[in-house]
């Protein structure tokens, strides 16, 4: 009987729960344990795997084949990524694009000497979208790549809305501008500003006595988040927000538009429509956990990105089976 890949989960928020669900759909894996900073007794899992405090994770060296890190990119992963890659093979979803190179180096310095394999920045962007940007550039060297996000609920921007004084609750959606998408699909190769590519739509519940106009002004002028976009703020009651905006849909497109040979226009598009952003991201993490385990068995230690992983290693099927069924 083939031995199952032993998986650990570090962190149990929306992403950690998604990983637990995804593992149930992958018969070649088993969940060994969930590790949390919270009081372990407070966590209720979907299944019956043990819950342990993150401080006790060192005791599981040799008992976990791949540890999937489900912490946030802002505060958790910069610390946990390098620390845990010294102990285990890891996969994470670090998504602060500008800081990926330095994060890669930090994780590599821990993983490589320990003989561990750590795949960073796994998900759909960065992740699957990164691969499609690479395919587009490599195949169509003369052209331009466009990435559109949405319609989708942005967790970081929603958090920024909730921090505005006078806001009791709120969410934010990112929406591609349809005219911009059409121009790209038509092969026009437009130069698009930030404002021309995406709009932002906020749904806000006010605290009692808050000034709606002041809240709206604070949101639409917020630097780094909303000031560079056409932003709409909608006010609603708490019950409506809970009823209509509790799900976490997302998605987007990567489009490479270019010319070949005698000036022929070629357009390549990859798109996602996601009913649950965290569950889909978790499913990508689980597939790459399989690849991390296999790479480590091949002796390929150190940090890797999705751009370094042969796609066949993501599948539970053998190389021969994949050639027969998918080529």
C-alpha atoms as a PDB file:
ATOM      1  CA  UNK A   1       0.000   0.000   0.000  1.00  0.00           C
ATOM      2  CA  UNK A   2       1.282   3.475  -0.875  1.00  0.00           C
ATOM      3  CA  UNK A   3       2.103   5.571   2.179  1.00  0.00           C
ATOM      4  CA  UNK A   4       0.026   8.719   2.470  1.00  0.00           C
ATOM      5  CA  UNK A   5       1.678  12.140   2.518  1.00  0.00           C
ATOM      6  CA  UNK A   6       1.476  13.413   6.094  1.00  0.00           C
ATOM      7  CA  UNK A   7       0.273  17.037   6.230  1.00  0.00           C
ATOM      8  CA  UNK A   8       0.294  19.586   9.039  1.00  0.00           C
ATOM      9  CA  UNK A   9      -1.613  22.892   9.058  1.00  0.00           C
ATOM     10  CA  UNK A  10      -0.133  25.962  10.793  1.00  0.00           C
ATOM     11  CA  UNK A  11      -2.917  28.477  11.449  1.00  0.00           C
ATOM     12  CA  UNK A  12      -6.651  27.809  11.352  1.00  0.00           C
ATOM     13  CA  UNK A  13      -8.527  30.780   9.935  1.00  0.00           C
ATOM     14  CA  UNK A  14     -10.442  30.771   6.630  1.00  0.00           C
ATOM     15  CA  UNK A  15      -7.408  29.434   4.760  1.00  0.00           C
ATOM     16  CA  UNK A  16      -6.605  26.707   7.297  1.00  0.00           C
ATOM     17  CA  UNK A  17     -10.201  25.488   7.231  1.00  0.00           C
ATOM     18  CA  UNK A  18     -10.014  25.471   3.426  1.00  0.00           C
ATOM     19  CA  UNK A  19      -6.897  23.301   3.546  1.00  0.00           C
ATOM     20  CA  UNK A  20      -8.616  20.825   5.875  1.00  0.00           C
ATOM     21  CA  UNK A  21     -11.533  20.587   3.399  1.00  0.00           C
ATOM     22  CA  UNK A  22      -9.194  20.192   0.420  1.00  0.00           C
ATOM     23  CA  UNK A  23      -7.263  17.365   2.071  1.00  0.00           C
ATOM     24  CA  UNK A  24     -10.517  15.390   2.300  1.00  0.00           C
ATOM     25  CA  UNK A  25     -10.608  15.437  -1.532  1.00  0.00           C
ATOM     26  CA  UNK A  26      -7.039  14.145  -1.937  1.00  0.00           C
ATOM     27  CA  UNK A  27      -6.851  10.467  -1.099  1.00  0.00           C
ATOM     28  CA  UNK A  28      -3.036  10.315  -1.105  1.00  0.00           C
ATOM     29  CA  UNK A  29      -2.794  12.702   1.868  1.00  0.00           C
ATOM     30  CA  UNK A  30      -3.712  12.678   5.540  1.00  0.00           C
ATOM     31  CA  UNK A  31      -3.944  15.462   8.115  1.00  0.00           C
ATOM     32  CA  UNK A  32      -1.607  14.784  11.053  1.00  0.00           C
ATOM     33  CA  UNK A  33      -2.388  17.862  13.106  1.00  0.00           C
ATOM     34  CA  UNK A  34      -3.393  21.522  13.230  1.00  0.00           C
ATOM     35  CA  UNK A  35      -1.116  23.991  15.030  1.00  0.00           C
ATOM     36  CA  UNK A  36      -2.508  27.235  16.427  1.00  0.00           C
ATOM     37  CA  UNK A  37      -1.492  30.228  18.564  1.00  0.00           C
ATOM     38  CA  UNK A  38      -4.914  30.065  20.220  1.00  0.00           C
ATOM     39  CA  UNK A  39      -5.858  27.788  23.094  1.00  0.00           C
ATOM     40  CA  UNK A  40      -6.072  24.401  21.269  1.00  0.00           C
ATOM     41  CA  UNK A  41      -9.218  23.381  23.148  1.00  0.00           C
ATOM     42  CA  UNK A  42     -11.084  26.358  21.669  1.00  0.00           C
ATOM     43  CA  UNK A  43     -10.711  25.186  18.052  1.00  0.00           C
ATOM     44  CA  UNK A  44     -13.429  23.097  16.466  1.00  0.00           C
ATOM     45  CA  UNK A  45     -12.182  21.356  13.311  1.00  0.00           C
ATOM     46  CA  UNK A  46     -14.278  19.927  10.492  1.00  0.00           C
ATOM     47  CA  UNK A  47     -12.686  16.516  11.176  1.00  0.00           C
ATOM     48  CA  UNK A  48     -11.036  14.873  14.168  1.00  0.00           C
ATOM     49  CA  UNK A  49      -7.300  15.612  13.715  1.00  0.00           C
ATOM     50  CA  UNK A  50      -5.447  16.675  16.872  1.00  0.00           C
ATOM     51  CA  UNK A  51      -5.083  20.405  17.613  1.00  0.00           C
ATOM     52  CA  UNK A  52      -1.833  21.534  19.236  1.00  0.00           C
ATOM     53  CA  UNK A  53      -0.244  24.805  20.237  1.00  0.00           C
ATOM     54  CA  UNK A  54       2.207  26.203  17.683  1.00  0.00           C
ATOM     55  CA  UNK A  55       4.926  26.228  20.378  1.00  0.00           C
ATOM     56  CA  UNK A  56       4.833  22.408  20.414  1.00  0.00           C
ATOM     57  CA  UNK A  57       5.359  22.008  16.662  1.00  0.00           C
ATOM     58  CA  UNK A  58       9.031  21.019  17.003  1.00  0.00           C
ATOM     59  CA  UNK A  59       7.922  17.723  18.548  1.00  0.00           C
ATOM     60  CA  UNK A  60       6.436  16.782  15.161  1.00  0.00           C
ATOM     61  CA  UNK A  61       9.723  16.840  13.229  1.00  0.00           C
ATOM     62  CA  UNK A  62       9.895  13.565  11.319  1.00  0.00           C
ATOM     63  CA  UNK A  63       6.122  13.030  11.697  1.00  0.00           C
ATOM     64  CA  UNK A  64       5.004  15.586   9.073  1.00  0.00           C
ATOM     65  CA  UNK A  65       6.005  15.383   5.398  1.00  0.00           C
ATOM     66  CA  UNK A  66       4.770  18.887   4.495  1.00  0.00           C
ATOM     67  CA  UNK A  67       3.577  21.725   6.725  1.00  0.00           C
ATOM     68  CA  UNK A  68       1.091  24.099   5.034  1.00  0.00           C
ATOM     69  CA  UNK A  69       1.426  27.612   6.446  1.00  0.00           C
ATOM     70  CA  UNK A  70      -1.909  29.436   6.637  1.00  0.00           C
ATOM     71  CA  UNK A  71      -0.889  32.665   8.354  1.00  0.00           C
ATOM     72  CA  UNK A  72      -1.144  36.164   6.911  1.00  0.00           C
ATOM     73  CA  UNK A  73       1.493  37.771   4.695  1.00  0.00           C
ATOM     74  CA  UNK A  74       1.720  41.026   6.636  1.00  0.00           C
ATOM     75  CA  UNK A  75       2.776  39.815  10.086  1.00  0.00           C
ATOM     76  CA  UNK A  76       2.761  35.997  10.287  1.00  0.00           C
ATOM     77  CA  UNK A  77       4.651  34.592   7.298  1.00  0.00           C
ATOM     78  CA  UNK A  78       7.727  36.892   7.353  1.00  0.00           C
ATOM     79  CA  UNK A  79       8.505  35.361  10.750  1.00  0.00           C
ATOM     80  CA  UNK A  80       6.965  31.879  10.467  1.00  0.00           C
ATOM     81  CA  UNK A  81       8.116  31.105   6.910  1.00  0.00           C
ATOM     82  CA  UNK A  82      11.870  31.081   7.587  1.00  0.00           C
ATOM     83  CA  UNK A  83      11.485  29.635  11.110  1.00  0.00           C
ATOM     84  CA  UNK A  84       9.323  26.670  10.078  1.00  0.00           C
ATOM     85  CA  UNK A  85      11.248  25.937   6.855  1.00  0.00           C
ATOM     86  CA  UNK A  86      14.194  25.081   9.110  1.00  0.00           C
ATOM     87  CA  UNK A  87      12.098  22.264  10.631  1.00  0.00           C
ATOM     88  CA  UNK A  88       9.798  20.999   7.832  1.00  0.00           C
ATOM     89  CA  UNK A  89       9.079  20.991   4.119  1.00  0.00           C
ATOM     90  CA  UNK A  90       6.633  23.890   3.769  1.00  0.00           C
ATOM     91  CA  UNK A  91       4.161  25.522   1.386  1.00  0.00           C
ATOM     92  CA  UNK A  92       2.812  29.037   1.945  1.00  0.00           C
ATOM     93  CA  UNK A  93       0.726  31.736   0.242  1.00  0.00           C
ATOM     94  CA  UNK A  94       2.919  34.817   0.830  1.00  0.00           C
ATOM     95  CA  UNK A  95       1.305  37.417  -1.438  1.00  0.00           C
ATOM     96  CA  UNK A  96       3.046  40.758  -0.893  1.00  0.00           C
ATOM     97  CA  UNK A  97       4.350  40.923  -4.490  1.00  0.00           C
ATOM     98  CA  UNK A  98       6.970  43.620  -3.879  1.00  0.00           C
ATOM     99  CA  UNK A  99       8.586  41.672  -1.031  1.00  0.00           C
ATOM    100  CA  UNK A 100       8.674  38.221  -2.685  1.00  0.00           C
ATOM    101  CA  UNK A 101      12.430  38.337  -3.565  1.00  0.00           C
ATOM    102  CA  UNK A 102      13.548  39.125  -0.004  1.00  0.00           C
ATOM    103  CA  UNK A 103      11.071  36.613   1.467  1.00  0.00           C
ATOM    104  CA  UNK A 104      12.380  33.935  -0.928  1.00  0.00           C
ATOM    105  CA  UNK A 105      15.965  34.591   0.244  1.00  0.00           C
ATOM    106  CA  UNK A 106      15.009  34.460   3.935  1.00  0.00           C
ATOM    107  CA  UNK A 107      13.155  31.140   3.506  1.00  0.00           C
ATOM    108  CA  UNK A 108      15.949  29.686   1.351  1.00  0.00           C
ATOM    109  CA  UNK A 109      18.584  30.463   3.994  1.00  0.00           C
ATOM    110  CA  UNK A 110      16.585  28.360   6.484  1.00  0.00           C
ATOM    111  CA  UNK A 111      15.358  25.537   4.241  1.00  0.00           C
ATOM    112  CA  UNK A 112      18.491  24.711   2.228  1.00  0.00           C
ATOM    113  CA  UNK A 113      20.926  23.956   5.099  1.00  0.00           C
ATOM    114  CA  UNK A 114      18.214  21.846   6.781  1.00  0.00           C
ATOM    115  CA  UNK A 115      17.632  19.813   3.605  1.00  0.00           C
ATOM    116  CA  UNK A 116      13.994  20.965   3.450  1.00  0.00           C
ATOM    117  CA  UNK A 117      11.947  22.085   0.439  1.00  0.00           C
ATOM    118  CA  UNK A 118       9.856  25.256   0.815  1.00  0.00           C
ATOM    119  CA  UNK A 119       7.495  26.426  -1.942  1.00  0.00           C
ATOM    120  CA  UNK A 120       6.548  30.067  -1.390  1.00  0.00           C
ATOM    121  CA  UNK A 121       3.803  32.368  -2.746  1.00  0.00           C
ATOM    122  CA  UNK A 122       1.398  29.597  -3.763  1.00  0.00           C
ATOM    123  CA  UNK A 123      -2.223  30.418  -4.614  1.00  0.00           C
ATOM    124  CA  UNK A 124      -3.875  32.029  -7.603  1.00  0.00           C
ATOM    125  CA  UNK A 125      -2.104  35.397  -7.543  1.00  0.00           C
ATOM    126  CA  UNK A 126       0.733  34.973  -6.906  1.00  0.00           C
ATOM    127  CA  UNK A 127       0.602  31.369  -8.103  1.00  0.00           C
ATOM    128  CA  UNK A 128      -1.498  30.243 -11.045  1.00  0.00           C
ATOM    129  CA  UNK A 129      -1.665  33.781 -12.471  1.00  0.00           C
ATOM    130  CA  UNK A 130       2.146  33.997 -12.210  1.00  0.00           C
ATOM    131  CA  UNK A 131       2.471  30.862 -14.347  1.00  0.00           C
ATOM    132  CA  UNK A 132       0.115  32.278 -16.958  1.00  0.00           C
ATOM    133  CA  UNK A 133       2.020  35.564 -17.077  1.00  0.00           C
ATOM    134  CA  UNK A 134       5.180  33.520 -17.699  1.00  0.00           C
ATOM    135  CA  UNK A 135       3.573  31.389 -20.436  1.00  0.00           C
ATOM    136  CA  UNK A 136       2.285  34.524 -22.174  1.00  0.00           C
ATOM    137  CA  UNK A 137       5.626  36.347 -22.124  1.00  0.00           C
ATOM    138  CA  UNK A 138       7.625  33.303 -23.214  1.00  0.00           C
ATOM    139  CA  UNK A 139       5.325  32.429 -26.131  1.00  0.00           C
ATOM    140  CA  UNK A 140       4.554  36.012 -27.241  1.00  0.00           C
ATOM    141  CA  UNK A 141       7.755  38.002 -26.574  1.00  0.00           C
ATOM    142  CA  UNK A 142       6.393  40.996 -28.474  1.00  0.00           C
ATOM    143  CA  UNK A 143       3.297  42.148 -26.613  1.00  0.00           C
ATOM    144  CA  UNK A 144       1.946  43.154 -23.212  1.00  0.00           C
ATOM    145  CA  UNK A 145       0.527  41.332 -20.187  1.00  0.00           C
ATOM    146  CA  UNK A 146      -2.566  42.563 -18.368  1.00  0.00           C
ATOM    147  CA  UNK A 147      -3.882  41.278 -15.032  1.00  0.00           C
ATOM    148  CA  UNK A 148      -7.428  42.148 -13.941  1.00  0.00           C
ATOM    149  CA  UNK A 149      -8.833  41.170 -10.533  1.00  0.00           C
ATOM    150  CA  UNK A 150     -12.504  40.698  -9.642  1.00  0.00           C
ATOM    151  CA  UNK A 151     -15.307  40.915  -9.290  1.00  0.00           C
ATOM    152  CA  UNK A 152     -14.179  39.925  -5.866  1.00  0.00           C
ATOM    153  CA  UNK A 153     -14.133  40.705  -2.173  1.00  0.00           C
ATOM    154  CA  UNK A 154     -10.701  42.022  -1.190  1.00  0.00           C
ATOM    155  CA  UNK A 155      -9.836  41.068   2.384  1.00  0.00           C
ATOM    156  CA  UNK A 156      -7.037  43.644   2.767  1.00  0.00           C
ATOM    157  CA  UNK A 157      -9.122  46.519   1.407  1.00  0.00           C
ATOM    158  CA  UNK A 158     -12.147  45.448   3.462  1.00  0.00           C
ATOM    159  CA  UNK A 159      -9.941  45.575   6.554  1.00  0.00           C
ATOM    160  CA  UNK A 160      -8.827  49.100   5.587  1.00  0.00           C
ATOM    161  CA  UNK A 161     -12.492  50.180   5.304  1.00  0.00           C
ATOM    162  CA  UNK A 162     -13.281  48.771   8.760  1.00  0.00           C
ATOM    163  CA  UNK A 163     -10.426  50.802  10.298  1.00  0.00           C
ATOM    164  CA  UNK A 164     -12.001  54.125   9.227  1.00  0.00           C
ATOM    165  CA  UNK A 165     -13.454  56.019  12.250  1.00  0.00           C
ATOM    166  CA  UNK A 166     -17.248  55.774  12.240  1.00  0.00           C
ATOM    167  CA  UNK A 167     -17.353  52.410  10.421  1.00  0.00           C
ATOM    168  CA  UNK A 168     -18.967  49.554  12.355  1.00  0.00           C
ATOM    169  CA  UNK A 169     -18.624  46.918   9.609  1.00  0.00           C
ATOM    170  CA  UNK A 170     -17.863  46.835   5.903  1.00  0.00           C
ATOM    171  CA  UNK A 171     -16.541  45.055   2.844  1.00  0.00           C
ATOM    172  CA  UNK A 172     -14.897  46.132  -0.401  1.00  0.00           C
ATOM    173  CA  UNK A 173     -15.134  44.643  -3.887  1.00  0.00           C
ATOM    174  CA  UNK A 174     -12.625  45.090  -6.688  1.00  0.00           C
ATOM    175  CA  UNK A 175     -14.222  45.280 -10.151  1.00  0.00           C
ATOM    176  CA  UNK A 176     -12.459  45.290 -13.533  1.00  0.00           C
ATOM    177  CA  UNK A 177     -13.514  48.163 -15.807  1.00  0.00           C
ATOM    178  CA  UNK A 178     -15.365  46.390 -18.688  1.00  0.00           C
ATOM    179  CA  UNK A 179     -14.173  48.853 -21.356  1.00  0.00           C
ATOM    180  CA  UNK A 180     -10.537  48.227 -20.405  1.00  0.00           C
ATOM    181  CA  UNK A 181     -10.975  44.444 -20.533  1.00  0.00           C
ATOM    182  CA  UNK A 182     -12.590  44.664 -23.987  1.00  0.00           C
ATOM    183  CA  UNK A 183      -9.789  46.843 -25.376  1.00  0.00           C
ATOM    184  CA  UNK A 184      -7.228  44.291 -24.181  1.00  0.00           C
ATOM    185  CA  UNK A 185      -9.218  41.353 -25.560  1.00  0.00           C
ATOM    186  CA  UNK A 186      -9.401  43.146 -28.902  1.00  0.00           C
ATOM    187  CA  UNK A 187      -5.612  43.201 -29.091  1.00  0.00           C
ATOM    188  CA  UNK A 188      -5.333  47.000 -28.911  1.00  0.00           C
ATOM    189  CA  UNK A 189      -2.363  46.906 -26.457  1.00  0.00           C
ATOM    190  CA  UNK A 190      -3.664  49.945 -24.526  1.00  0.00           C
ATOM    191  CA  UNK A 191      -1.558  51.781 -21.915  1.00  0.00           C
ATOM    192  CA  UNK A 192      -3.912  51.737 -18.927  1.00  0.00           C
ATOM    193  CA  UNK A 193      -3.666  53.726 -15.709  1.00  0.00           C
ATOM    194  CA  UNK A 194      -4.608  52.208 -12.343  1.00  0.00           C
ATOM    195  CA  UNK A 195      -7.922  54.118 -12.453  1.00  0.00           C
ATOM    196  CA  UNK A 196      -8.713  52.888 -15.966  1.00  0.00           C
ATOM    197  CA  UNK A 197      -8.276  49.189 -15.067  1.00  0.00           C
ATOM    198  CA  UNK A 198     -10.253  48.722 -11.829  1.00  0.00           C
ATOM    199  CA  UNK A 199     -13.058  50.259  -9.779  1.00  0.00           C
ATOM    200  CA  UNK A 200     -13.666  49.780  -6.073  1.00  0.00           C
ATOM    201  CA  UNK A 201     -17.078  49.398  -4.440  1.00  0.00           C
ATOM    202  CA  UNK A 202     -17.572  49.578  -0.666  1.00  0.00           C
ATOM    203  CA  UNK A 203     -20.547  48.504   1.461  1.00  0.00           C
ATOM    204  CA  UNK A 204     -20.452  50.111   4.895  1.00  0.00           C
ATOM    205  CA  UNK A 205     -22.432  49.890   8.144  1.00  0.00           C
ATOM    206  CA  UNK A 206     -22.047  53.134  10.130  1.00  0.00           C
ATOM    207  CA  UNK A 207     -21.570  53.346  13.876  1.00  0.00           C
ATOM    208  CA  UNK A 208     -24.414  55.124  15.646  1.00  0.00           C
ATOM    209  CA  UNK A 209     -24.069  58.895  15.237  1.00  0.00           C
ATOM    210  CA  UNK A 210     -21.312  58.666  12.603  1.00  0.00           C
ATOM    211  CA  UNK A 211     -21.200  61.264   9.804  1.00  0.00           C
ATOM    212  CA  UNK A 212     -21.767  59.436   6.496  1.00  0.00           C
ATOM    213  CA  UNK A 213     -20.178  62.190   4.400  1.00  0.00           C
ATOM    214  CA  UNK A 214     -17.033  62.222   6.560  1.00  0.00           C
ATOM    215  CA  UNK A 215     -16.733  58.423   6.402  1.00  0.00           C
ATOM    216  CA  UNK A 216     -17.166  58.439   2.626  1.00  0.00           C
ATOM    217  CA  UNK A 217     -14.526  61.158   2.222  1.00  0.00           C
ATOM    218  CA  UNK A 218     -12.071  59.272   4.454  1.00  0.00           C
ATOM    219  CA  UNK A 219     -12.491  56.120   2.342  1.00  0.00           C
ATOM    220  CA  UNK A 220     -12.277  57.612  -1.164  1.00  0.00           C
ATOM    221  CA  UNK A 221      -9.178  59.702  -0.315  1.00  0.00           C
ATOM    222  CA  UNK A 222      -7.273  56.904   1.488  1.00  0.00           C
ATOM    223  CA  UNK A 223      -3.773  56.686  -0.045  1.00  0.00           C
ATOM    224  CA  UNK A 224      -2.508  53.278  -1.339  1.00  0.00           C
ATOM    225  CA  UNK A 225      -6.018  51.799  -1.100  1.00  0.00           C
ATOM    226  CA  UNK A 226      -8.669  54.020  -2.716  1.00  0.00           C
ATOM    227  CA  UNK A 227      -7.304  57.418  -3.770  1.00  0.00           C
ATOM    228  CA  UNK A 228      -6.098  56.162  -7.183  1.00  0.00           C
ATOM    229  CA  UNK A 229      -9.411  54.469  -8.063  1.00  0.00           C
ATOM    230  CA  UNK A 230     -12.992  55.461  -8.843  1.00  0.00           C
ATOM    231  CA  UNK A 231     -14.528  54.355  -5.540  1.00  0.00           C
ATOM    232  CA  UNK A 232     -18.241  54.067  -4.676  1.00  0.00           C
ATOM    233  CA  UNK A 233     -19.384  53.898  -1.046  1.00  0.00           C
ATOM    234  CA  UNK A 234     -22.808  52.356  -0.291  1.00  0.00           C
ATOM    235  CA  UNK A 235     -24.332  52.555   3.199  1.00  0.00           C
ATOM    236  CA  UNK A 236     -26.562  49.737   4.457  1.00  0.00           C
ATOM    237  CA  UNK A 237     -27.714  48.072   7.671  1.00  0.00           C
ATOM    238  CA  UNK A 238     -25.917  45.257   9.448  1.00  0.00           C
ATOM    239  CA  UNK A 239     -28.467  42.586   8.605  1.00  0.00           C
ATOM    240  CA  UNK A 240     -28.250  43.335   4.862  1.00  0.00           C
ATOM    241  CA  UNK A 241     -24.446  43.278   4.997  1.00  0.00           C
ATOM    242  CA  UNK A 242     -24.509  39.870   6.705  1.00  0.00           C
ATOM    243  CA  UNK A 243     -27.119  38.490   4.306  1.00  0.00           C
ATOM    244  CA  UNK A 244     -25.634  39.711   1.029  1.00  0.00           C
ATOM    245  CA  UNK A 245     -21.883  40.072   1.627  1.00  0.00           C
ATOM    246  CA  UNK A 246     -20.707  37.211   3.856  1.00  0.00           C
ATOM    247  CA  UNK A 247     -19.318  35.033   1.051  1.00  0.00           C
ATOM    248  CA  UNK A 248     -15.773  35.544  -0.241  1.00  0.00           C
ATOM    249  CA  UNK A 249     -16.026  35.380  -4.035  1.00  0.00           C
ATOM    250  CA  UNK A 250     -13.131  36.462  -6.220  1.00  0.00           C
ATOM    251  CA  UNK A 251     -11.487  35.844  -9.568  1.00  0.00           C
ATOM    252  CA  UNK A 252      -9.906  37.649 -12.450  1.00  0.00           C
ATOM    253  CA  UNK A 253      -8.084  37.372 -15.768  1.00  0.00           C
ATOM    254  CA  UNK A 254      -4.537  37.248 -17.074  1.00  0.00           C
ATOM    255  CA  UNK A 255      -4.396  38.321 -20.711  1.00  0.00           C
ATOM    256  CA  UNK A 256      -1.286  38.324 -22.921  1.00  0.00           C
ATOM    257  CA  UNK A 257      -1.781  40.215 -26.154  1.00  0.00           C
ATOM    258  CA  UNK A 258       0.962  40.214 -28.776  1.00  0.00           C
ATOM    259  CA  UNK A 259       1.936  39.828 -32.383  1.00  0.00           C
ATOM    260  CA  UNK A 260       3.750  37.034 -34.215  1.00  0.00           C
ATOM    261  CA  UNK A 261       5.381  36.606 -37.605  1.00  0.00           C
ATOM    262  CA  UNK A 262       3.798  38.940 -40.117  1.00  0.00           C
ATOM    263  CA  UNK A 263       2.084  41.130 -37.523  1.00  0.00           C
ATOM    264  CA  UNK A 264      -0.731  38.727 -36.678  1.00  0.00           C
ATOM    265  CA  UNK A 265      -2.512  39.570 -33.398  1.00  0.00           C
ATOM    266  CA  UNK A 266      -2.579  36.729 -30.848  1.00  0.00           C
ATOM    267  CA  UNK A 267      -4.437  36.925 -27.518  1.00  0.00           C
ATOM    268  CA  UNK A 268      -4.099  34.366 -24.700  1.00  0.00           C
ATOM    269  CA  UNK A 269      -6.479  34.542 -21.732  1.00  0.00           C
ATOM    270  CA  UNK A 270      -6.736  32.640 -18.449  1.00  0.00           C
ATOM    271  CA  UNK A 271      -9.608  33.395 -16.089  1.00  0.00           C
ATOM    272  CA  UNK A 272     -10.957  32.337 -12.700  1.00  0.00           C
ATOM    273  CA  UNK A 273     -14.448  32.711 -11.199  1.00  0.00           C
ATOM    274  CA  UNK A 274     -14.308  31.739  -7.540  1.00  0.00           C
ATOM    275  CA  UNK A 275     -17.223  31.353  -5.157  1.00  0.00           C
ATOM    276  CA  UNK A 276     -14.780  31.008  -2.237  1.00  0.00           C
ATOM    277  CA  UNK A 277     -11.383  32.651  -2.492  1.00  0.00           C
ATOM    278  CA  UNK A 278      -9.887  30.941   0.620  1.00  0.00           C
ATOM    279  CA  UNK A 279     -11.132  27.472  -0.360  1.00  0.00           C
ATOM    280  CA  UNK A 280      -9.665  27.767  -3.866  1.00  0.00           C
ATOM    281  CA  UNK A 281      -6.350  29.131  -2.566  1.00  0.00           C
ATOM    282  CA  UNK A 282      -6.259  26.242  -0.091  1.00  0.00           C
ATOM    283  CA  UNK A 283      -6.804  23.738  -2.915  1.00  0.00           C
ATOM    284  CA  UNK A 284      -3.807  25.164  -4.777  1.00  0.00           C
ATOM    285  CA  UNK A 285      -1.696  24.925  -1.598  1.00  0.00           C
ATOM    286  CA  UNK A 286      -2.588  21.251  -1.186  1.00  0.00           C
ATOM    287  CA  UNK A 287      -1.579  20.388  -4.777  1.00  0.00           C
ATOM    288  CA  UNK A 288       1.767  22.139  -4.249  1.00  0.00           C
ATOM    289  CA  UNK A 289       2.254  20.299  -0.949  1.00  0.00           C
ATOM    290  CA  UNK A 290       2.327  17.102  -3.005  1.00  0.00           C
ATOM    291  CA  UNK A 291       4.968  18.669  -5.246  1.00  0.00           C
ATOM    292  CA  UNK A 292       7.030  19.826  -2.243  1.00  0.00           C
ATOM    293  CA  UNK A 293       7.083  16.281  -0.866  1.00  0.00           C
ATOM    294  CA  UNK A 294       8.167  14.838  -4.221  1.00  0.00           C
ATOM    295  CA  UNK A 295      10.828  17.491  -4.800  1.00  0.00           C
ATOM    296  CA  UNK A 296      12.261  16.791  -1.367  1.00  0.00           C
ATOM    297  CA  UNK A 297      12.367  13.057  -2.105  1.00  0.00           C
ATOM    298  CA  UNK A 298      14.368  13.955  -5.231  1.00  0.00           C
ATOM    299  CA  UNK A 299      16.859  15.857  -3.075  1.00  0.00           C
ATOM    300  CA  UNK A 300      15.802  19.335  -4.255  1.00  0.00           C
ATOM    301  CA  UNK A 301      16.135  21.361  -1.061  1.00  0.00           C
ATOM    302  CA  UNK A 302      15.745  25.111  -0.572  1.00  0.00           C
ATOM    303  CA  UNK A 303      13.090  27.678  -1.461  1.00  0.00           C
ATOM    304  CA  UNK A 304      11.115  27.317  -4.699  1.00  0.00           C
ATOM    305  CA  UNK A 305       8.329  29.271  -6.358  1.00  0.00           C
ATOM    306  CA  UNK A 306       5.546  27.972  -8.593  1.00  0.00           C
ATOM    307  CA  UNK A 307       7.773  28.960 -11.547  1.00  0.00           C
ATOM    308  CA  UNK A 308      10.327  26.327 -10.461  1.00  0.00           C
ATOM    309  CA  UNK A 309       7.953  23.356 -10.037  1.00  0.00           C
ATOM    310  CA  UNK A 310       7.279  20.894 -12.908  1.00  0.00           C
ATOM    311  CA  UNK A 311       3.473  20.788 -13.277  1.00  0.00           C
ATOM    312  CA  UNK A 312       3.319  16.993 -13.377  1.00  0.00           C
ATOM    313  CA  UNK A 313       4.407  16.921  -9.726  1.00  0.00           C
ATOM    314  CA  UNK A 314       1.112  18.548  -8.694  1.00  0.00           C
ATOM    315  CA  UNK A 315      -0.955  15.561  -9.783  1.00  0.00           C
ATOM    316  CA  UNK A 316      -1.425  12.323  -7.839  1.00  0.00           C
ATOM    317  CA  UNK A 317      -1.197  10.501 -11.203  1.00  0.00           C
ATOM    318  CA  UNK A 318       2.047   9.029 -12.524  1.00  0.00           C
ATOM    319  CA  UNK A 319       3.965  10.690 -15.342  1.00  0.00           C
ATOM    320  CA  UNK A 320       3.002   7.818 -17.674  1.00  0.00           C
ATOM    321  CA  UNK A 321      -0.681   8.187 -16.788  1.00  0.00           C
ATOM    322  CA  UNK A 322      -0.558  11.946 -17.363  1.00  0.00           C
ATOM    323  CA  UNK A 323       1.080  11.480 -20.775  1.00  0.00           C
ATOM    324  CA  UNK A 324      -1.626   8.992 -21.742  1.00  0.00           C
ATOM    325  CA  UNK A 325      -4.601  11.018 -20.443  1.00  0.00           C
ATOM    326  CA  UNK A 326      -3.688  14.700 -20.760  1.00  0.00           C
ATOM    327  CA  UNK A 327      -1.156  15.084 -23.572  1.00  0.00           C
END
